[in-house]
Amino acid sequence: MKKHFISFILFSLYFRDFCSSLRWIAEEEIKAYGMYRDVKLTRYDISPGTKQVTWDFRPRRYPANCEEVPIYVVLQYGSIPSLNPNNETYPKYFDVDTSHQTRVTLKPDNTSQFLNISSPRPGSWYSAIYRPSEEGKIVQSGLSRSCKYYLSLAYDTPEDVQYLPVPTSQSTQLTLTDSISHIKFDVEPDTYEFTLSLNDCQPDCDVQIIYLNQQLNSSLPNIVNCSTDNAPCQYTVISPDINLAHRFGLRTINSSTVNVTLDIEVKECVGHEENVTNTTSCIYYKTLDRLQFNNDFNVAFTYIINDTIHPIKLNVTKDVVNILPFDVQPNLDIGGTLNLELALNSFPLVCYLKYYFLVHRLSKKQQTI
């Protein structure tokens, strides 16, 4: 067992000089699932603009003649994955949607097993790794061998492609071919919508727009195919992410060369203390204060004035969007449940935001013997 671990470390050191984007996680024992504390949790940092991330899992069992028990890997962006291997009852209001998770089953045969994700959303990804529950398994003391299961892994984020920064305040002239041209731009925190447009296409508008910012609950980039018949070629993003650059790929659908004018129309909100008129379509409020309760997993976002909680009153109409931002800390505020509380008065609407992080242990099922 020690020789195997040392060889993996040497493998890692050997490739460090040749593949700087490769990162390694030391070998650890994978336990059978009894409760969530038995799960091995790992966080991965994915840089903005990464085209693809590749995980290399190498599971093994010791001794080698032990039973080939599967090892489960659950990957998720932005938060630790929720698991329920024993099919227990979730607490009330618990989010049980697992469509945004990626699940892999590994064989502990000491061989590399790969997982690729294209255009991953940048930031923190988390994996939960475990073996099936051994509850109910009968083992006679002294007559069975002690089997252990281990997993070492590496993940590779190859060098990013080169992106051309483009301004949002003026037009940009581009020449497109059937090879992808990569562009990027930032938006202000009070942006609630933007539209990318390709205008004045010469000689035609047979162009493809690829939105490369990975979206939750989606494993593929969003693609718009345009032609001369539906010019201008446009792509609109509502409620865009304000914490990272927006990246697009542009290319011609056929082998021709097309000259285009790129324009980015950004719609921004008006601050609630500014001059709000009848034409205002979005009002932006200041960031909500963070209130940490004595319970480590209970946080509220609200406005605090003179050490007193002040629920905010909103005048809600069908034509105006009200935005109340709050900051979620990436490594502390994960694995929780967002609880939004609204109190409706006859006029206006009273909105009080609370952000609760609820941690529950699923109760064991009762069994009759």
Protein backbone atom coordinates (compact mmCIF):
# COMPACT_ATOMS: atom_id res chain seq x y z
CA MET A 1 0.00 0.00 0.00
CA LYS A 2 2.79 2.47 0.84
CA LYS A 3 4.63 1.76 -2.41
CA HIS A 4 1.49 2.56 -4.40
CA PHE A 5 1.00 5.88 -2.59
CA ILE A 6 4.63 6.91 -3.09
CA SER A 7 4.50 6.06 -6.79
CA PHE A 8 1.45 8.32 -7.22
CA ILE A 9 3.27 11.23 -5.58
CA LEU A 10 6.29 10.66 -7.84
CA PHE A 11 3.95 10.59 -10.85
CA SER A 12 2.56 13.95 -9.74
CA LEU A 13 5.99 15.52 -9.27
CA TYR A 14 7.18 14.24 -12.64
CA PHE A 15 4.31 15.89 -14.51
CA ARG A 16 4.40 19.17 -12.57
CA ASP A 17 6.97 20.69 -14.95
CA PHE A 18 5.13 19.67 -18.10
CA CYS A 19 1.47 20.18 -17.23
CA SER A 20 1.07 23.15 -14.87
CA SER A 21 -2.73 22.94 -15.08
CA LEU A 22 -2.78 19.45 -13.54
CA ARG A 23 -3.65 19.34 -9.83
CA TRP A 24 -3.59 16.34 -7.48
CA ILE A 25 -5.56 15.16 -4.47
CA ALA A 26 -3.73 12.73 -2.17
CA GLU A 27 -5.08 9.22 -1.71
CA GLU A 28 -7.70 8.77 1.01
CA GLU A 29 -9.78 5.90 2.30
CA ILE A 30 -13.39 5.83 1.06
CA LYS A 31 -15.85 4.74 3.73
CA ALA A 32 -19.22 3.02 3.48
CA TYR A 33 -22.15 5.43 3.81
CA GLY A 34 -23.77 5.45 7.21
CA MET A 35 -24.37 9.18 7.55
CA TYR A 36 -23.09 12.28 5.77
CA ARG A 37 -19.94 12.52 7.88
CA ASP A 38 -18.70 9.31 6.20
CA VAL A 39 -18.59 11.07 2.82
CA LYS A 40 -15.27 12.35 1.45
CA LEU A 41 -15.77 15.98 0.37
CA THR A 42 -13.35 17.74 -2.00
CA ARG A 43 -13.39 21.25 -3.48
CA TYR A 44 -11.98 22.12 -6.92
CA ASP A 45 -11.11 25.59 -8.26
CA ILE A 46 -12.04 26.14 -11.91
CA SER A 47 -10.63 29.27 -13.56
CA PRO A 48 -12.81 31.53 -15.77
CA GLY A 49 -12.61 30.63 -19.45
CA THR A 50 -11.68 26.98 -18.92
CA LYS A 51 -12.78 25.06 -22.01
CA GLN A 52 -12.82 21.65 -20.34
CA VAL A 53 -11.98 20.08 -17.02
CA THR A 54 -10.87 16.43 -16.83
CA TRP A 55 -10.99 14.39 -13.63
CA ASP A 56 -8.73 11.34 -13.39
CA PHE A 57 -9.97 8.98 -10.67
CA ARG A 58 -7.87 6.00 -9.57
CA PRO A 59 -9.75 3.81 -7.05
CA ARG A 60 -8.35 0.62 -5.57
CA ARG A 61 -9.09 -1.98 -2.89
CA TYR A 62 -6.78 -3.60 -0.36
CA PRO A 63 -6.17 -6.51 -0.29
CA ALA A 64 -6.62 -6.97 -4.04
CA ASN A 65 -8.85 -10.03 -3.59
CA CYS A 66 -11.51 -8.05 -1.70
CA GLU A 67 -14.99 -7.67 -3.12
CA GLU A 68 -15.28 -5.21 -6.01
CA VAL A 69 -17.57 -2.73 -4.26
CA PRO A 70 -18.50 0.34 -6.36
CA ILE A 71 -17.36 3.83 -5.38
CA TYR A 72 -19.78 6.67 -6.09
CA VAL A 73 -18.70 10.20 -7.05
CA VAL A 74 -21.21 13.07 -7.11
CA LEU A 75 -20.02 16.40 -8.59
CA GLN A 76 -21.81 19.73 -8.23
CA TYR A 77 -21.04 23.38 -8.90
CA GLY A 78 -21.21 25.97 -6.15
CA SER A 79 -22.24 23.77 -3.22
CA ILE A 80 -21.65 20.41 -1.61
CA PRO A 81 -23.99 17.79 -3.12
CA SER A 82 -27.04 16.58 -1.24
CA LEU A 83 -27.16 12.79 -0.94
CA ASN A 84 -29.76 10.26 0.13
CA PRO A 85 -28.35 6.77 -0.54
CA ASN A 86 -30.69 5.12 1.99
CA ASN A 87 -33.84 6.67 0.48
CA GLU A 88 -34.79 8.42 3.71
CA THR A 89 -37.31 11.22 4.16
CA TYR A 90 -36.06 14.74 3.47
CA PRO A 91 -36.97 17.60 5.84
CA LYS A 92 -39.78 19.91 4.82
CA TYR A 93 -38.87 22.49 2.15
CA PHE A 94 -35.58 20.73 1.39
CA ASP A 95 -34.43 21.10 -2.22
CA VAL A 96 -34.23 17.58 -3.62
CA ASP A 97 -33.52 18.50 -7.26
CA THR A 98 -30.40 16.60 -8.39
CA SER A 99 -30.56 17.47 -12.10
CA HIS A 100 -27.54 19.76 -11.73
CA GLN A 101 -25.38 16.98 -10.29
CA THR A 102 -22.97 14.77 -12.25
CA ARG A 103 -22.75 11.19 -10.98
CA VAL A 104 -20.05 8.61 -11.71
CA THR A 105 -19.64 5.00 -10.56
CA LEU A 106 -16.06 3.74 -10.23
CA LYS A 107 -14.61 0.24 -10.05
CA PRO A 108 -11.80 -0.17 -7.48
CA ASP A 109 -9.44 -1.89 -9.96
CA ASN A 110 -6.44 0.48 -9.67
CA THR A 111 -6.92 1.94 -13.16
CA SER A 112 -7.53 5.52 -14.26
CA GLN A 113 -11.18 6.38 -14.94
CA PHE A 114 -11.85 9.75 -16.57
CA LEU A 115 -14.67 12.30 -16.49
CA ASN A 116 -14.78 15.33 -18.83
CA ILE A 117 -17.01 18.42 -18.46
CA SER A 118 -16.93 21.00 -21.26
CA SER A 119 -17.24 24.75 -20.61
CA PRO A 120 -17.47 24.34 -16.81
CA ARG A 121 -18.90 27.21 -14.83
CA PRO A 122 -15.94 28.98 -13.16
CA GLY A 123 -15.53 28.96 -9.41
CA SER A 124 -15.79 26.24 -6.80
CA TRP A 125 -16.93 22.72 -7.66
CA TYR A 126 -17.46 20.06 -4.99
CA SER A 127 -17.45 16.28 -5.02
CA ALA A 128 -18.94 13.84 -2.52
CA ILE A 129 -17.41 10.35 -2.65
CA TYR A 130 -18.63 7.28 -0.77
CA ARG A 131 -19.30 3.53 -0.90
CA PRO A 132 -22.68 1.81 -0.53
CA SER A 133 -24.04 1.42 2.98
CA GLU A 134 -23.07 -1.75 4.84
CA GLU A 135 -26.07 -1.53 7.16
CA GLY A 136 -27.60 -4.96 7.64
CA LYS A 137 -24.51 -6.77 6.36
CA ILE A 138 -23.64 -9.74 8.61
CA VAL A 139 -19.92 -10.34 9.18
CA GLN A 140 -18.71 -13.11 11.49
CA SER A 141 -15.92 -11.89 13.74
CA GLY A 142 -12.52 -13.47 13.12
CA LEU A 143 -13.53 -15.24 9.90
CA SER A 144 -13.68 -12.31 7.46
CA ARG A 145 -10.84 -10.26 6.07
CA SER A 146 -10.63 -6.52 6.61
CA CYS A 147 -11.13 -4.76 3.27
CA LYS A 148 -10.36 -1.12 2.64
CA TYR A 149 -11.00 1.05 -0.39
CA TYR A 150 -8.96 4.06 -1.49
CA LEU A 151 -9.15 6.81 -4.08
CA SER A 152 -6.51 9.15 -5.45
CA LEU A 153 -7.37 11.68 -8.13
CA ALA A 154 -6.10 14.49 -10.32
CA TYR A 155 -7.96 17.11 -12.32
CA ASP A 156 -6.71 19.02 -15.32
CA THR A 157 -7.80 22.47 -16.50
CA PRO A 158 -5.82 23.07 -19.72
CA GLU A 159 -4.58 26.51 -20.71
CA ASP A 160 -7.41 28.90 -21.48
CA VAL A 161 -8.01 30.15 -24.99
CA GLN A 162 -7.19 33.76 -25.76
CA TYR A 163 -10.21 36.06 -25.49
CA LEU A 164 -10.49 39.47 -27.13
CA PRO A 165 -11.83 42.04 -24.61
CA VAL A 166 -14.56 44.13 -26.23
CA PRO A 167 -16.15 47.31 -24.83
CA THR A 168 -19.86 47.57 -24.09
CA SER A 169 -19.91 51.32 -24.74
CA GLN A 170 -19.03 51.30 -28.46
CA SER A 171 -19.19 49.17 -31.61
CA THR A 172 -16.43 46.71 -32.50
CA GLN A 173 -15.53 45.63 -36.03
CA LEU A 174 -14.79 41.91 -36.38
CA THR A 175 -13.85 39.54 -39.19
CA LEU A 176 -15.25 36.06 -38.62
CA THR A 177 -14.29 32.72 -40.15
CA ASP A 178 -15.35 29.14 -39.54
CA SER A 179 -12.77 29.02 -36.73
CA ILE A 180 -14.19 30.31 -33.44
CA SER A 181 -13.31 33.89 -32.46
CA HIS A 182 -13.47 34.30 -28.67
CA ILE A 183 -14.59 37.55 -27.05
CA LYS A 184 -15.33 38.61 -23.47
CA PHE A 185 -16.70 41.60 -21.59
CA ASP A 186 -17.79 42.61 -18.09
CA VAL A 187 -21.08 44.09 -16.91
CA GLU A 188 -21.80 46.43 -14.04
CA PRO A 189 -23.37 45.11 -10.80
CA ASP A 190 -26.66 46.88 -11.54
CA THR A 191 -27.08 45.21 -14.95
CA TYR A 192 -30.28 43.21 -15.29
CA GLU A 193 -30.10 42.35 -19.01
CA PHE A 194 -27.77 42.61 -21.99
CA THR A 195 -28.06 41.84 -25.70
CA LEU A 196 -25.16 40.98 -28.01
CA SER A 197 -25.90 41.94 -31.63
CA LEU A 198 -24.08 41.32 -34.90
CA ASN A 199 -25.03 44.02 -37.41
CA ASP A 200 -24.05 45.10 -40.93
CA CYS A 201 -22.97 41.59 -41.92
CA GLN A 202 -20.97 41.46 -45.14
CA PRO A 203 -21.56 39.60 -47.38
CA ASP A 204 -24.22 37.76 -45.30
CA CYS A 205 -25.13 36.88 -41.72
CA ASP A 206 -24.63 33.11 -41.75
CA VAL A 207 -23.06 33.30 -38.30
CA GLN A 208 -23.20 31.26 -35.10
CA ILE A 209 -23.17 32.76 -31.59
CA ILE A 210 -22.07 30.45 -28.75
CA TYR A 211 -22.55 31.54 -25.14
CA LEU A 212 -19.64 29.96 -23.27
CA ASN A 213 -20.62 30.81 -19.70
CA GLN A 214 -21.80 27.48 -18.31
CA GLN A 215 -25.30 27.74 -16.89
CA LEU A 216 -26.66 25.75 -13.97
CA ASN A 217 -28.80 22.75 -14.99
CA SER A 218 -27.20 22.79 -18.45
CA SER A 219 -24.29 20.72 -19.75
CA LEU A 220 -24.03 22.36 -23.18
CA PRO A 221 -23.34 25.92 -24.36
CA ASN A 222 -26.29 27.90 -25.65
CA ILE A 223 -26.04 28.35 -29.44
CA VAL A 224 -27.87 30.71 -31.81
CA ASN A 225 -27.64 30.17 -35.57
CA CYS A 226 -28.32 33.25 -37.66
CA SER A 227 -28.78 33.90 -41.34
CA THR A 228 -29.46 36.85 -43.63
CA ASP A 229 -33.20 36.26 -43.16
CA ASN A 230 -33.17 36.87 -39.40
CA ALA A 231 -30.54 39.62 -39.20
CA PRO A 232 -29.52 41.24 -36.94
CA CYS A 233 -28.07 38.22 -35.17
CA GLN A 234 -28.75 38.65 -31.43
CA TYR A 235 -28.27 36.87 -28.13
CA THR A 236 -29.97 38.16 -24.95
CA VAL A 237 -29.04 37.24 -21.37
CA ILE A 238 -31.51 38.12 -18.62
CA SER A 239 -30.25 38.45 -15.04
CA PRO A 240 -26.58 37.95 -16.02
CA ASP A 241 -23.88 36.92 -13.60
CA ILE A 242 -22.09 40.04 -12.37
CA ASN A 243 -19.09 38.33 -10.77
CA LEU A 244 -17.33 37.06 -13.89
CA ALA A 245 -16.65 37.99 -17.49
CA HIS A 246 -19.18 36.93 -20.11
CA ARG A 247 -17.53 34.90 -22.86
CA PHE A 248 -18.82 34.21 -26.35
CA GLY A 249 -17.60 32.29 -29.37
CA LEU A 250 -18.39 33.65 -32.86
CA ARG A 251 -17.89 31.85 -36.16
CA THR A 252 -19.35 31.53 -39.63
CA ILE A 253 -21.63 28.60 -40.35
CA ASN A 254 -19.98 27.93 -43.72
CA SER A 255 -16.39 28.37 -44.85
CA SER A 256 -16.80 32.00 -45.95
CA THR A 257 -15.40 35.11 -44.24
CA VAL A 258 -17.91 37.57 -42.77
CA ASN A 259 -17.31 41.13 -41.60
CA VAL A 260 -19.66 42.22 -38.80
CA THR A 261 -20.25 45.08 -36.39
CA LEU A 262 -20.52 43.90 -32.80
CA ASP A 263 -22.74 45.88 -30.41
CA ILE A 264 -23.58 45.14 -26.79
CA GLU A 265 -26.68 46.80 -25.36
CA VAL A 266 -26.70 46.81 -21.57
CA LYS A 267 -29.81 47.57 -19.52
CA GLU A 268 -29.03 48.86 -16.06
CA CYS A 269 -31.11 49.57 -12.98
CA VAL A 270 -31.70 52.93 -11.35
CA GLY A 271 -30.71 53.32 -7.71
CA HIS A 272 -33.75 53.56 -5.43
CA GLU A 273 -32.49 56.90 -4.09
CA GLU A 274 -32.13 58.36 -7.59
CA ASN A 275 -34.77 60.00 -9.74
CA VAL A 276 -37.27 57.24 -10.52
CA THR A 277 -39.58 58.11 -13.42
CA ASN A 278 -42.52 56.48 -15.16
CA THR A 279 -40.11 54.97 -17.70
CA THR A 280 -37.93 53.27 -15.07
CA SER A 281 -37.94 49.51 -15.61
CA CYS A 282 -35.56 48.40 -12.83
CA ILE A 283 -34.78 49.73 -9.33
CA TYR A 284 -31.57 48.68 -7.58
CA TYR A 285 -31.36 48.72 -3.77
CA LYS A 286 -28.25 48.71 -1.61
CA THR A 287 -26.81 45.39 -0.51
CA LEU A 288 -28.66 43.72 2.35
CA ASP A 289 -26.82 43.44 5.67
CA ARG A 290 -25.69 40.05 6.95
CA LEU A 291 -27.03 38.98 10.35
CA GLN A 292 -25.32 35.93 11.86
CA PHE A 293 -27.31 34.21 14.62
CA ASN A 294 -25.77 32.24 17.49
CA ASN A 295 -26.48 29.08 15.54
CA ASP A 296 -23.60 28.76 13.06
CA PHE A 297 -25.97 27.57 10.34
CA ASN A 298 -28.55 30.33 10.64
CA VAL A 299 -27.98 33.56 8.71
CA ALA A 300 -30.41 36.31 7.75
CA PHE A 301 -30.05 39.02 5.11
CA THR A 302 -31.98 42.17 5.92
CA TYR A 303 -31.42 45.85 6.56
CA ILE A 304 -30.11 46.79 10.01
CA ILE A 305 -30.51 50.42 11.11
CA ASN A 306 -29.41 51.53 14.60
CA ASP A 307 -29.01 47.89 15.69
CA THR A 308 -32.60 47.15 14.70
CA ILE A 309 -33.92 44.96 11.88
CA HIS A 310 -35.88 46.99 9.33
CA PRO A 311 -37.96 45.05 6.80
CA ILE A 312 -38.00 46.91 3.51
CA LYS A 313 -41.17 48.06 1.80
CA LEU A 314 -41.39 47.64 -1.96
CA ASN A 315 -43.92 49.08 -4.35
CA VAL A 316 -44.30 46.14 -6.73
CA THR A 317 -45.80 46.58 -10.20
CA LYS A 318 -45.82 44.44 -13.32
CA ASP A 319 -43.54 46.84 -15.24
CA VAL A 320 -40.73 47.41 -12.72
CA VAL A 321 -38.09 44.94 -11.51
CA ASN A 322 -36.85 45.46 -7.92
CA ILE A 323 -33.37 44.05 -7.18
CA LEU A 324 -32.12 43.53 -3.62
CA PRO A 325 -28.56 42.12 -3.69
CA PHE A 326 -26.96 40.09 -0.91
CA ASP A 327 -23.53 38.48 -0.71
CA VAL A 328 -23.23 34.72 -0.32
CA GLN A 329 -19.80 33.70 0.94
CA PRO A 330 -18.45 30.97 -1.35
CA ASN A 331 -16.98 28.57 1.21
CA LEU A 332 -19.11 29.34 4.28
CA ASP A 333 -22.61 29.67 2.85
CA ILE A 334 -22.88 26.36 1.04
CA GLY A 335 -25.11 23.35 1.42
CA GLY A 336 -27.96 25.45 2.80
CA THR A 337 -31.52 26.38 1.96
CA LEU A 338 -32.61 29.87 0.92
CA ASN A 339 -35.88 30.90 2.58
CA LEU A 340 -37.56 34.01 1.18
CA GLU A 341 -40.27 35.57 3.30
CA LEU A 342 -42.77 38.03 1.80
CA ALA A 343 -45.52 39.81 3.72
CA LEU A 344 -48.21 41.29 1.49
CA ASN A 345 -50.00 44.42 2.56
CA SER A 346 -52.82 46.05 0.64
CA PHE A 347 -50.35 48.73 -0.44
CA PRO A 348 -47.41 48.50 -0.78
CA LEU A 349 -45.78 45.05 -0.62
CA VAL A 350 -43.57 44.46 2.42
CA CYS A 351 -40.56 42.24 1.71
CA TYR A 352 -38.39 40.74 4.45
CA LEU A 353 -35.52 38.57 3.32
CA LYS A 354 -34.04 35.83 5.45
CA TYR A 355 -31.34 33.40 4.39
CA TYR A 356 -31.36 30.24 6.47
CA PHE A 357 -28.81 27.46 6.33
CA LEU A 358 -30.56 24.33 7.51
CA VAL A 359 -28.52 21.27 8.36
CA HIS A 360 -30.45 18.10 9.13
CA ARG A 361 -29.54 14.53 9.86
CA LEU A 362 -32.00 12.27 8.13
CA SER A 363 -33.65 10.09 10.73
CA LYS A 364 -32.99 6.38 10.55
CA LYS A 365 -35.89 4.25 9.41
CA GLN A 366 -37.54 2.22 12.12
CA GLN A 367 -37.08 -1.50 11.71
CA THR A 368 -39.01 -4.32 13.33
CA ILE A 369 -36.96 -7.41 14.18
